[in-house]
């Protein structure tokens, strides 16, 4: 196998890997890389129809990536809907994503307590996250669950919920306390500070 064939096989492998990605942004980025590699390969061996195909695929990926990155920190893109703790759709979302929730929020019991406040994070007509909080007293909102669906973890719905929506300030809270035991927390990136083994945001 010569180096030109290696380039071709590499591009094909990258394309296959891209299709295995659950996260939309990552899928588009890896697919773009694979398309560019295959564009180069087909140009070298002068297969012009495939050059055209991969050029179009690359352009499509670039356009979608540009749109995604432009909306990544756009508060106007997200809506927070308050629902009752026993809301049937909320229970459905928690059930469907139960295994993924348990992976990143091992302390979450799987059910919403009656005294907790429940919010669905929506992008367009798609539910992308769930936030559950409880009143810990002294102006502190303790986050019981902060979950974002796998497709949207490259984006920033959490940033909108905690910093841009004004949700907690309107309810009279002065501080937000992160969930206990959450794996791979992202809170430092959105303005939280470490305190006593947890993350705290002043609102």
N, C-alpha and C. Protein backbone atom coordinates (compact mmCIF):
# COMPACT_ATOMS: atom_id res chain seq x y z
N UNK A 1 0.85 -1.20 0.00
CA UNK A 1 0.00 0.00 0.00
C UNK A 1 0.88 1.25 0.00
N UNK A 2 0.70 2.12 -1.00
CA UNK A 2 1.50 3.34 -1.05
C UNK A 2 0.84 4.45 -0.22
N UNK A 3 1.54 5.58 -0.13
CA UNK A 3 1.07 6.65 0.75
C UNK A 3 -0.24 7.27 0.27
N UNK A 4 -0.49 7.25 -1.03
CA UNK A 4 -1.75 7.81 -1.55
C UNK A 4 -2.93 6.97 -1.07
N UNK A 5 -2.78 5.65 -1.09
CA UNK A 5 -3.84 4.78 -0.60
C UNK A 5 -4.06 4.96 0.89
N UNK A 6 -2.97 5.20 1.61
CA UNK A 6 -3.08 5.46 3.05
C UNK A 6 -3.94 6.70 3.30
N UNK A 7 -3.74 7.74 2.49
CA UNK A 7 -4.54 8.96 2.62
C UNK A 7 -6.02 8.64 2.39
N UNK A 8 -6.31 7.86 1.35
CA UNK A 8 -7.68 7.50 1.04
C UNK A 8 -8.35 6.71 2.15
N UNK A 9 -7.65 5.69 2.65
CA UNK A 9 -8.20 4.89 3.73
C UNK A 9 -8.36 5.70 5.01
N UNK A 10 -7.43 6.61 5.25
CA UNK A 10 -7.53 7.46 6.43
C UNK A 10 -8.77 8.34 6.37
N UNK A 11 -9.00 8.95 5.21
CA UNK A 11 -10.20 9.78 5.05
C UNK A 11 -11.47 8.99 5.24
N UNK A 12 -11.53 7.79 4.68
CA UNK A 12 -12.72 6.94 4.83
C UNK A 12 -12.94 6.56 6.29
N UNK A 13 -11.85 6.24 6.99
CA UNK A 13 -11.95 5.88 8.40
C UNK A 13 -12.47 7.05 9.23
N UNK A 14 -11.97 8.24 8.95
CA UNK A 14 -12.42 9.43 9.68
C UNK A 14 -13.91 9.66 9.45
N UNK A 15 -14.37 9.48 8.22
CA UNK A 15 -15.80 9.65 7.93
C UNK A 15 -16.65 8.66 8.72
N UNK A 16 -16.20 7.41 8.78
CA UNK A 16 -16.94 6.40 9.55
C UNK A 16 -16.98 6.78 11.02
N UNK A 17 -15.84 7.22 11.56
CA UNK A 17 -15.78 7.63 12.96
C UNK A 17 -16.74 8.78 13.23
N UNK A 18 -16.84 9.71 12.28
CA UNK A 18 -17.73 10.86 12.47
C UNK A 18 -19.17 10.43 12.62
N UNK A 19 -19.57 9.39 11.89
CA UNK A 19 -20.96 8.93 11.95
C UNK A 19 -21.28 8.21 13.25
N UNK A 20 -20.26 7.87 14.02
CA UNK A 20 -20.47 7.21 15.31
C UNK A 20 -20.61 8.20 16.46
N UNK A 21 -20.46 9.49 16.17
CA UNK A 21 -20.52 10.51 17.21
C UNK A 21 -21.96 10.86 17.56
N UNK A 22 -22.26 10.89 18.85
CA UNK A 22 -23.60 11.29 19.30
C UNK A 22 -23.73 12.81 19.39
N UNK A 23 -22.62 13.49 19.65
CA UNK A 23 -22.65 14.95 19.78
C UNK A 23 -22.62 15.59 18.39
N UNK A 24 -23.57 16.47 18.16
CA UNK A 24 -23.76 17.04 16.83
C UNK A 24 -22.54 17.84 16.38
N UNK A 25 -22.02 18.69 17.25
CA UNK A 25 -20.89 19.53 16.87
C UNK A 25 -19.66 18.69 16.54
N UNK A 26 -19.41 17.70 17.35
CA UNK A 26 -18.26 16.82 17.12
C UNK A 26 -18.42 16.04 15.82
N UNK A 27 -19.64 15.58 15.55
CA UNK A 27 -19.91 14.86 14.30
C UNK A 27 -19.56 15.72 13.09
N UNK A 28 -20.04 16.97 13.10
CA UNK A 28 -19.79 17.86 11.96
C UNK A 28 -18.30 18.15 11.79
N UNK A 29 -17.60 18.36 12.90
CA UNK A 29 -16.18 18.70 12.82
C UNK A 29 -15.36 17.54 12.27
N UNK A 30 -15.59 16.34 12.80
CA UNK A 30 -14.84 15.17 12.34
C UNK A 30 -15.21 14.84 10.90
N UNK A 31 -16.49 15.00 10.56
CA UNK A 31 -16.92 14.76 9.18
C UNK A 31 -16.26 15.73 8.21
N UNK A 32 -16.09 16.98 8.65
CA UNK A 32 -15.40 17.97 7.81
C UNK A 32 -13.96 17.55 7.56
N UNK A 33 -13.27 17.10 8.60
CA UNK A 33 -11.88 16.66 8.44
C UNK A 33 -11.80 15.50 7.46
N UNK A 34 -12.69 14.52 7.63
CA UNK A 34 -12.69 13.37 6.72
C UNK A 34 -12.98 13.77 5.29
N UNK A 35 -13.92 14.69 5.10
CA UNK A 35 -14.26 15.15 3.74
C UNK A 35 -13.09 15.86 3.09
N UNK A 36 -12.36 16.66 3.87
CA UNK A 36 -11.21 17.37 3.32
C UNK A 36 -10.07 16.41 2.95
N UNK A 37 -9.88 15.39 3.79
CA UNK A 37 -8.85 14.39 3.47
C UNK A 37 -9.21 13.65 2.19
N UNK A 38 -10.48 13.26 2.06
CA UNK A 38 -10.91 12.55 0.85
C UNK A 38 -10.91 13.45 -0.37
N UNK A 39 -11.20 14.73 -0.17
CA UNK A 39 -11.11 15.68 -1.28
C UNK A 39 -9.68 15.72 -1.82
N UNK A 40 -8.72 15.79 -0.89
CA UNK A 40 -7.31 15.81 -1.28
C UNK A 40 -6.91 14.52 -2.00
N UNK A 41 -7.35 13.39 -1.43
CA UNK A 41 -7.03 12.09 -2.03
C UNK A 41 -7.58 11.98 -3.45
N UNK A 42 -8.84 12.33 -3.63
CA UNK A 42 -9.45 12.21 -4.96
C UNK A 42 -8.88 13.21 -5.96
N UNK A 43 -8.41 14.36 -5.46
CA UNK A 43 -7.74 15.31 -6.36
C UNK A 43 -6.40 14.75 -6.83
N UNK A 44 -5.69 14.06 -5.92
CA UNK A 44 -4.40 13.48 -6.29
C UNK A 44 -4.57 12.41 -7.37
N UNK A 45 -5.59 11.56 -7.21
CA UNK A 45 -5.78 10.48 -8.19
C UNK A 45 -6.71 10.90 -9.33
N UNK A 46 -7.14 12.17 -9.29
CA UNK A 46 -7.91 12.79 -10.37
C UNK A 46 -9.27 12.11 -10.61
N UNK A 47 -9.96 11.83 -9.52
CA UNK A 47 -11.34 11.34 -9.61
C UNK A 47 -12.23 12.54 -9.34
N UNK A 48 -12.53 13.30 -10.37
CA UNK A 48 -13.15 14.62 -10.21
C UNK A 48 -14.59 14.58 -9.68
N UNK A 49 -15.42 13.60 -10.04
CA UNK A 49 -16.75 13.57 -9.43
C UNK A 49 -16.69 13.46 -7.90
N UNK A 50 -15.74 12.67 -7.38
CA UNK A 50 -15.59 12.53 -5.93
C UNK A 50 -14.99 13.79 -5.31
N UNK A 51 -14.15 14.48 -6.08
CA UNK A 51 -13.65 15.78 -5.61
C UNK A 51 -14.82 16.73 -5.42
N UNK A 52 -15.72 16.77 -6.42
CA UNK A 52 -16.89 17.63 -6.31
C UNK A 52 -17.77 17.26 -5.14
N UNK A 53 -18.01 15.96 -4.95
CA UNK A 53 -18.84 15.49 -3.85
C UNK A 53 -18.27 15.91 -2.50
N UNK A 54 -16.98 15.68 -2.30
CA UNK A 54 -16.36 16.00 -1.02
C UNK A 54 -16.23 17.51 -0.81
N UNK A 55 -16.10 18.25 -1.89
CA UNK A 55 -16.09 19.71 -1.77
C UNK A 55 -17.44 20.21 -1.27
N UNK A 56 -18.52 19.64 -1.82
CA UNK A 56 -19.87 20.03 -1.38
C UNK A 56 -20.11 19.61 0.07
N UNK A 57 -19.70 18.39 0.43
CA UNK A 57 -19.85 17.93 1.81
C UNK A 57 -19.07 18.82 2.77
N UNK A 58 -17.87 19.22 2.38
CA UNK A 58 -17.06 20.11 3.23
C UNK A 58 -17.75 21.45 3.42
N UNK A 59 -18.31 21.98 2.35
CA UNK A 59 -19.00 23.27 2.42
C UNK A 59 -20.23 23.17 3.33
N UNK A 60 -20.99 22.09 3.20
CA UNK A 60 -22.16 21.89 4.06
C UNK A 60 -21.75 21.83 5.52
N UNK A 61 -20.69 21.08 5.82
CA UNK A 61 -20.21 20.98 7.20
C UNK A 61 -19.75 22.33 7.73
N UNK A 62 -19.07 23.11 6.91
CA UNK A 62 -18.60 24.43 7.33
C UNK A 62 -19.78 25.33 7.66
N UNK A 63 -20.82 25.31 6.82
CA UNK A 63 -22.00 26.15 7.06
C UNK A 63 -22.68 25.75 8.37
N UNK A 64 -22.86 24.45 8.59
CA UNK A 64 -23.51 24.00 9.82
C UNK A 64 -22.66 24.29 11.05
N UNK A 65 -21.35 24.12 10.94
CA UNK A 65 -20.47 24.44 12.06
C UNK A 65 -20.54 25.92 12.39
N UNK A 66 -20.56 26.76 11.38
CA UNK A 66 -20.65 28.20 11.60
C UNK A 66 -21.95 28.55 12.32
N UNK A 67 -23.05 27.95 11.91
CA UNK A 67 -24.34 28.21 12.56
C UNK A 67 -24.34 27.73 14.01
N UNK A 68 -23.78 26.55 14.22
CA UNK A 68 -23.75 25.99 15.58
C UNK A 68 -22.89 26.83 16.51
N UNK A 69 -21.71 27.22 16.05
CA UNK A 69 -20.80 28.01 16.88
C UNK A 69 -21.35 29.40 17.13
N UNK A 70 -22.07 29.94 16.16
CA UNK A 70 -22.67 31.26 16.34
C UNK A 70 -23.74 31.23 17.42
N UNK A 71 -24.49 30.12 17.50
CA UNK A 71 -25.58 30.00 18.47
C UNK A 71 -25.12 29.38 19.78
N UNK A 72 -23.85 29.00 19.86
CA UNK A 72 -23.37 28.25 21.03
C UNK A 72 -23.56 29.02 22.33
N UNK A 73 -23.33 30.31 22.32
CA UNK A 73 -23.47 31.14 23.52
C UNK A 73 -24.61 32.13 23.37
N UNK A 74 -25.58 31.81 22.53
CA UNK A 74 -26.70 32.71 22.27
C UNK A 74 -27.84 32.40 23.23
N UNK A 75 -28.05 33.29 24.20
CA UNK A 75 -29.11 33.07 25.19
C UNK A 75 -30.48 33.01 24.54
N UNK A 76 -30.65 33.72 23.43
CA UNK A 76 -31.95 33.74 22.76
C UNK A 76 -32.31 32.38 22.17
N UNK A 77 -31.34 31.50 22.04
CA UNK A 77 -31.61 30.19 21.44
C UNK A 77 -32.30 29.24 22.40
N UNK A 78 -32.17 29.50 23.71
CA UNK A 78 -32.68 28.57 24.72
C UNK A 78 -33.86 29.15 25.47
N UNK A 79 -34.75 28.27 25.89
CA UNK A 79 -35.89 28.65 26.72
C UNK A 79 -35.92 27.72 27.93
N UNK A 80 -36.20 28.28 29.10
CA UNK A 80 -36.35 27.48 30.31
C UNK A 80 -37.83 27.44 30.67
N UNK A 81 -38.39 26.25 30.71
CA UNK A 81 -39.81 26.07 31.03
C UNK A 81 -39.94 25.43 32.41
N UNK A 82 -40.60 26.13 33.32
CA UNK A 82 -40.85 25.54 34.63
C UNK A 82 -42.01 24.56 34.54
N UNK A 83 -41.83 23.38 35.11
CA UNK A 83 -42.88 22.37 35.13
C UNK A 83 -43.05 21.86 36.55
N UNK A 84 -44.17 21.22 36.81
CA UNK A 84 -44.41 20.66 38.14
C UNK A 84 -43.56 19.41 38.34
N UNK A 85 -43.19 19.12 39.59
CA UNK A 85 -42.36 17.94 39.85
C UNK A 85 -42.96 16.64 39.34
N UNK A 86 -44.29 16.57 39.28
CA UNK A 86 -44.94 15.34 38.83
C UNK A 86 -45.37 15.40 37.36
N UNK A 87 -44.83 16.37 36.62
CA UNK A 87 -45.17 16.51 35.21
C UNK A 87 -44.84 15.23 34.45
N UNK A 88 -45.78 14.76 33.64
CA UNK A 88 -45.60 13.47 32.95
C UNK A 88 -44.49 13.53 31.91
N UNK A 89 -44.37 14.66 31.23
CA UNK A 89 -43.30 14.75 30.23
C UNK A 89 -41.93 14.78 30.91
N UNK A 90 -41.83 15.50 32.04
CA UNK A 90 -40.58 15.50 32.80
C UNK A 90 -40.20 14.09 33.21
N UNK A 91 -41.17 13.33 33.72
CA UNK A 91 -40.90 11.96 34.12
C UNK A 91 -40.45 11.11 32.93
N UNK A 92 -41.03 11.38 31.77
CA UNK A 92 -40.64 10.66 30.55
C UNK A 92 -39.19 10.95 30.19
N UNK A 93 -38.80 12.23 30.23
CA UNK A 93 -37.42 12.61 29.90
C UNK A 93 -36.44 11.95 30.86
N UNK A 94 -36.76 11.97 32.15
CA UNK A 94 -35.87 11.37 33.15
C UNK A 94 -35.77 9.86 32.95
N UNK A 95 -36.86 9.25 32.55
CA UNK A 95 -36.85 7.80 32.34
C UNK A 95 -36.04 7.43 31.09
N UNK A 96 -36.26 8.15 30.00
CA UNK A 96 -35.56 7.85 28.74
C UNK A 96 -34.05 8.02 28.90
N UNK A 97 -33.63 9.04 29.64
CA UNK A 97 -32.20 9.34 29.80
C UNK A 97 -31.66 8.84 31.14
N UNK A 98 -32.37 7.92 31.77
CA UNK A 98 -32.01 7.49 33.12
C UNK A 98 -30.59 6.98 33.26
N UNK A 99 -30.15 6.13 32.35
CA UNK A 99 -28.80 5.57 32.45
C UNK A 99 -27.73 6.65 32.28
N UNK A 100 -27.94 7.54 31.34
CA UNK A 100 -26.97 8.62 31.11
C UNK A 100 -26.95 9.58 32.29
N UNK A 101 -28.11 9.86 32.86
CA UNK A 101 -28.18 10.73 34.04
C UNK A 101 -27.41 10.10 35.20
N UNK A 102 -27.61 8.81 35.42
CA UNK A 102 -26.92 8.13 36.52
C UNK A 102 -25.41 8.13 36.33
N UNK A 103 -24.97 8.12 35.09
CA UNK A 103 -23.53 8.10 34.81
C UNK A 103 -22.86 9.39 35.26
N UNK A 104 -23.51 10.53 35.01
CA UNK A 104 -22.90 11.83 35.32
C UNK A 104 -23.41 12.43 36.63
N UNK A 105 -24.53 11.94 37.12
CA UNK A 105 -25.10 12.45 38.38
C UNK A 105 -25.44 11.26 39.28
N UNK A 106 -24.42 10.55 39.77
CA UNK A 106 -24.66 9.31 40.51
C UNK A 106 -25.44 9.50 41.80
N UNK A 107 -25.48 10.73 42.34
CA UNK A 107 -26.20 10.97 43.58
C UNK A 107 -27.69 11.20 43.36
N UNK A 108 -28.10 11.39 42.11
CA UNK A 108 -29.51 11.67 41.83
C UNK A 108 -30.33 10.40 42.03
N UNK A 109 -31.40 10.45 42.84
CA UNK A 109 -32.17 9.24 43.14
C UNK A 109 -33.04 8.74 42.01
N UNK A 110 -33.21 9.54 40.96
CA UNK A 110 -34.02 9.11 39.83
C UNK A 110 -35.44 9.61 39.85
N UNK A 111 -35.85 10.22 40.95
CA UNK A 111 -37.20 10.75 41.07
C UNK A 111 -37.14 12.19 41.57
N UNK A 112 -38.16 12.96 41.23
CA UNK A 112 -38.23 14.36 41.64
C UNK A 112 -39.04 14.46 42.92
N UNK A 113 -38.46 15.09 43.94
CA UNK A 113 -39.18 15.28 45.20
C UNK A 113 -40.23 16.38 45.05
N UNK A 114 -41.34 16.30 45.78
CA UNK A 114 -42.41 17.29 45.64
C UNK A 114 -41.97 18.71 45.93
N UNK A 115 -40.98 18.89 46.81
CA UNK A 115 -40.55 20.24 47.18
C UNK A 115 -39.53 20.83 46.22
N UNK A 116 -39.10 20.09 45.23
CA UNK A 116 -38.10 20.58 44.30
C UNK A 116 -38.73 21.36 43.16
N UNK A 117 -37.97 22.31 42.63
CA UNK A 117 -38.39 23.06 41.45
C UNK A 117 -37.80 22.38 40.22
N UNK A 118 -38.60 22.25 39.17
CA UNK A 118 -38.18 21.51 37.98
C UNK A 118 -38.26 22.40 36.75
N UNK A 119 -37.21 22.31 35.91
CA UNK A 119 -37.14 23.13 34.70
C UNK A 119 -36.67 22.27 33.53
N UNK A 120 -37.31 22.47 32.40
CA UNK A 120 -36.87 21.85 31.15
C UNK A 120 -36.16 22.90 30.32
N UNK A 121 -35.00 22.56 29.79
CA UNK A 121 -34.25 23.47 28.92
C UNK A 121 -34.55 23.07 27.48
N UNK A 122 -35.06 24.02 26.70
CA UNK A 122 -35.56 23.72 25.36
C UNK A 122 -34.80 24.55 24.32
N UNK A 123 -34.40 23.88 23.25
CA UNK A 123 -33.80 24.55 22.09
C UNK A 123 -34.74 24.34 20.91
N UNK A 124 -35.43 25.40 20.50
CA UNK A 124 -36.46 25.24 19.48
C UNK A 124 -37.58 24.38 20.04
N UNK A 125 -37.82 23.24 19.40
CA UNK A 125 -38.84 22.32 19.91
C UNK A 125 -38.23 21.06 20.51
N UNK A 126 -36.93 21.11 20.81
CA UNK A 126 -36.22 19.94 21.34
C UNK A 126 -35.81 20.18 22.78
N UNK A 127 -36.13 19.23 23.65
CA UNK A 127 -35.70 19.29 25.04
C UNK A 127 -34.24 18.86 25.13
N UNK A 128 -33.38 19.76 25.61
CA UNK A 128 -31.94 19.48 25.63
C UNK A 128 -31.40 19.32 27.05
N UNK A 129 -32.22 19.58 28.06
CA UNK A 129 -31.71 19.45 29.41
C UNK A 129 -32.79 19.54 30.46
N UNK A 130 -32.41 19.14 31.68
CA UNK A 130 -33.30 19.20 32.84
C UNK A 130 -32.50 19.77 34.01
N UNK A 131 -33.11 20.72 34.72
CA UNK A 131 -32.50 21.26 35.93
C UNK A 131 -33.51 21.12 37.07
N UNK A 132 -33.07 20.50 38.15
CA UNK A 132 -33.88 20.39 39.36
C UNK A 132 -33.16 21.09 40.49
N UNK A 133 -33.88 21.91 41.25
CA UNK A 133 -33.27 22.63 42.37
C UNK A 133 -34.15 22.52 43.60
N UNK A 134 -33.55 22.82 44.73
CA UNK A 134 -34.31 22.91 45.97
C UNK A 134 -33.83 24.11 46.76
N UNK A 135 -34.70 24.63 47.60
CA UNK A 135 -34.36 25.77 48.45
C UNK A 135 -33.57 25.26 49.65
N UNK A 136 -32.28 25.62 49.72
CA UNK A 136 -31.43 25.18 50.82
C UNK A 136 -31.43 26.16 51.97
N UNK A 137 -32.24 27.23 51.86
CA UNK A 137 -32.29 28.24 52.91
C UNK A 137 -31.20 29.28 52.78
N UNK A 138 -31.38 30.41 53.44
CA UNK A 138 -30.40 31.50 53.45
C UNK A 138 -30.09 32.00 52.05
N UNK A 139 -31.09 31.99 51.17
CA UNK A 139 -30.90 32.52 49.82
C UNK A 139 -30.08 31.63 48.90
N UNK A 140 -29.99 30.34 49.22
CA UNK A 140 -29.18 29.41 48.43
C UNK A 140 -30.09 28.43 47.69
N UNK A 141 -29.89 28.34 46.38
CA UNK A 141 -30.56 27.32 45.57
C UNK A 141 -29.58 26.19 45.34
N UNK A 142 -29.92 25.00 45.81
CA UNK A 142 -29.05 23.84 45.60
C UNK A 142 -29.53 23.07 44.38
N UNK A 143 -28.64 22.85 43.45
CA UNK A 143 -28.98 22.10 42.24
C UNK A 143 -28.96 20.61 42.56
N UNK A 144 -30.09 19.97 42.37
CA UNK A 144 -30.20 18.53 42.62
C UNK A 144 -29.79 17.75 41.37
N UNK A 145 -30.18 18.27 40.21
CA UNK A 145 -29.83 17.64 38.94
C UNK A 145 -29.59 18.71 37.89
N UNK A 146 -28.50 18.58 37.18
CA UNK A 146 -28.17 19.45 36.04
C UNK A 146 -27.77 18.53 34.90
N UNK A 147 -28.70 18.29 34.01
CA UNK A 147 -28.47 17.30 32.95
C UNK A 147 -28.66 17.91 31.58
N UNK A 148 -27.73 17.62 30.68
CA UNK A 148 -27.82 18.02 29.28
C UNK A 148 -27.74 16.76 28.43
N UNK A 149 -28.61 16.65 27.45
CA UNK A 149 -28.60 15.46 26.60
C UNK A 149 -27.27 15.36 25.84
N UNK A 150 -26.92 14.14 25.49
CA UNK A 150 -25.61 13.88 24.90
C UNK A 150 -25.37 14.68 23.62
N UNK A 151 -26.41 14.84 22.81
CA UNK A 151 -26.27 15.55 21.54
C UNK A 151 -25.82 16.99 21.73
N UNK A 152 -26.13 17.58 22.89
CA UNK A 152 -25.92 19.01 23.06
C UNK A 152 -24.86 19.36 24.11
N UNK A 153 -24.01 18.42 24.46
CA UNK A 153 -23.00 18.70 25.48
C UNK A 153 -21.86 19.56 24.97
N UNK A 154 -21.75 19.74 23.67
CA UNK A 154 -20.74 20.65 23.15
C UNK A 154 -21.24 22.10 23.15
N UNK A 155 -22.50 22.29 23.55
CA UNK A 155 -23.08 23.63 23.55
C UNK A 155 -23.19 24.14 24.98
N UNK A 156 -24.00 25.17 25.23
CA UNK A 156 -23.96 25.82 26.53
C UNK A 156 -25.32 26.10 27.14
N UNK A 157 -26.26 25.13 27.16
CA UNK A 157 -27.53 25.42 27.82
C UNK A 157 -27.37 25.73 29.30
N UNK A 158 -26.38 25.10 29.95
CA UNK A 158 -26.14 25.39 31.36
C UNK A 158 -25.74 26.84 31.59
N UNK A 159 -24.94 27.37 30.70
CA UNK A 159 -24.54 28.78 30.79
C UNK A 159 -25.76 29.68 30.78
N UNK A 160 -26.74 29.37 29.94
CA UNK A 160 -27.94 30.18 29.85
C UNK A 160 -28.78 30.05 31.12
N UNK A 161 -28.94 28.84 31.62
CA UNK A 161 -29.77 28.61 32.81
C UNK A 161 -29.21 29.36 34.01
N UNK A 162 -27.91 29.24 34.23
CA UNK A 162 -27.33 29.76 35.47
C UNK A 162 -26.90 31.22 35.39
N UNK A 163 -26.57 31.70 34.20
CA UNK A 163 -26.02 33.06 34.12
C UNK A 163 -26.90 34.03 33.35
N UNK A 164 -27.50 33.59 32.27
CA UNK A 164 -28.17 34.53 31.37
C UNK A 164 -29.67 34.65 31.60
N UNK A 165 -30.33 33.63 32.10
CA UNK A 165 -31.79 33.66 32.18
C UNK A 165 -32.31 34.50 33.33
N UNK A 166 -31.48 34.75 34.36
CA UNK A 166 -31.96 35.48 35.53
C UNK A 166 -32.93 34.69 36.37
N UNK A 167 -33.00 33.40 36.13
CA UNK A 167 -33.97 32.53 36.79
C UNK A 167 -33.85 32.58 38.31
N UNK A 168 -32.66 32.44 38.83
CA UNK A 168 -32.48 32.34 40.27
C UNK A 168 -32.59 33.69 40.96
N UNK A 169 -32.10 34.74 40.32
CA UNK A 169 -32.22 36.08 40.89
C UNK A 169 -33.68 36.48 41.03
N UNK A 170 -34.50 36.15 40.05
CA UNK A 170 -35.93 36.49 40.11
C UNK A 170 -36.63 35.77 41.25
N UNK A 171 -36.12 34.65 41.65
CA UNK A 171 -36.72 33.90 42.75
C UNK A 171 -36.14 34.29 44.11
N UNK A 172 -35.27 35.27 44.10
CA UNK A 172 -34.74 35.78 45.36
C UNK A 172 -33.52 35.06 45.89
N UNK A 173 -32.93 34.21 45.08
CA UNK A 173 -31.72 33.52 45.52
C UNK A 173 -30.50 34.41 45.32
N UNK A 174 -29.54 34.25 46.21
CA UNK A 174 -28.29 35.00 46.10
C UNK A 174 -27.13 34.11 45.62
N UNK A 175 -27.27 32.82 45.87
CA UNK A 175 -26.21 31.89 45.47
C UNK A 175 -26.81 30.60 44.93
N UNK A 176 -26.06 29.96 44.03
CA UNK A 176 -26.45 28.65 43.48
C UNK A 176 -25.35 27.67 43.83
N UNK A 177 -25.73 26.52 44.36
CA UNK A 177 -24.78 25.49 44.78
C UNK A 177 -24.90 24.29 43.85
N UNK A 178 -23.77 23.82 43.34
CA UNK A 178 -23.77 22.71 42.37
C UNK A 178 -24.21 21.40 43.03
N UNK A 179 -24.59 20.41 42.21
CA UNK A 179 -24.97 19.10 42.77
C UNK A 179 -23.78 18.41 43.42
N UNK A 180 -24.07 17.62 44.44
CA UNK A 180 -23.01 16.85 45.08
C UNK A 180 -22.66 15.64 44.22
N UNK A 181 -21.37 15.39 44.05
CA UNK A 181 -20.92 14.17 43.38
C UNK A 181 -21.06 14.15 41.88
N UNK A 182 -21.34 15.30 41.26
CA UNK A 182 -21.49 15.32 39.81
C UNK A 182 -20.14 15.05 39.15
N UNK A 183 -20.12 14.15 38.17
CA UNK A 183 -18.89 13.82 37.47
C UNK A 183 -18.66 14.77 36.30
N UNK A 184 -17.40 15.11 36.08
CA UNK A 184 -17.00 16.01 34.98
C UNK A 184 -17.77 17.33 35.00
N UNK A 185 -17.80 18.01 36.16
CA UNK A 185 -18.53 19.27 36.20
C UNK A 185 -17.88 20.33 35.32
N UNK A 186 -18.70 21.19 34.75
CA UNK A 186 -18.22 22.22 33.83
C UNK A 186 -18.37 23.62 34.43
N UNK A 187 -18.67 23.69 35.71
CA UNK A 187 -19.10 24.96 36.31
C UNK A 187 -18.05 26.06 36.29
N UNK A 188 -16.79 25.70 36.36
CA UNK A 188 -15.76 26.73 36.35
C UNK A 188 -15.81 27.55 35.07
N UNK A 189 -16.21 26.93 33.97
CA UNK A 189 -16.26 27.62 32.69
C UNK A 189 -17.38 28.65 32.62
N UNK A 190 -18.37 28.55 33.50
CA UNK A 190 -19.50 29.48 33.42
C UNK A 190 -19.60 30.36 34.66
N UNK A 191 -18.49 30.52 35.37
CA UNK A 191 -18.45 31.52 36.43
C UNK A 191 -18.59 31.01 37.85
N UNK A 192 -18.76 29.72 38.06
CA UNK A 192 -18.81 29.18 39.42
C UNK A 192 -17.40 29.17 40.02
N UNK A 193 -17.34 29.17 41.33
CA UNK A 193 -16.05 29.07 42.02
C UNK A 193 -16.10 27.90 43.00
N UNK A 194 -14.96 27.24 43.24
CA UNK A 194 -14.96 26.11 44.18
C UNK A 194 -15.09 26.58 45.62
N UNK A 195 -15.86 25.84 46.38
CA UNK A 195 -16.02 26.16 47.80
C UNK A 195 -16.48 24.92 48.54
N UNK A 196 -15.63 24.43 49.43
CA UNK A 196 -16.01 23.28 50.25
C UNK A 196 -16.34 22.02 49.47
N UNK A 197 -15.61 21.78 48.39
CA UNK A 197 -15.85 20.58 47.61
C UNK A 197 -17.00 20.67 46.64
N UNK A 198 -17.64 21.83 46.56
CA UNK A 198 -18.74 22.06 45.62
C UNK A 198 -18.40 23.29 44.78
N UNK A 199 -19.29 23.62 43.86
CA UNK A 199 -19.13 24.82 43.05
C UNK A 199 -20.26 25.80 43.38
N UNK A 200 -19.90 27.08 43.52
CA UNK A 200 -20.86 28.10 43.96
C UNK A 200 -20.87 29.25 42.96
N UNK A 201 -22.08 29.74 42.66
CA UNK A 201 -22.25 30.90 41.79
C UNK A 201 -23.01 31.97 42.55
N UNK A 202 -22.45 33.18 42.59
CA UNK A 202 -23.16 34.33 43.16
C UNK A 202 -24.04 34.94 42.08
N UNK A 203 -25.33 35.13 42.39
CA UNK A 203 -26.26 35.65 41.39
C UNK A 203 -26.79 37.03 41.79
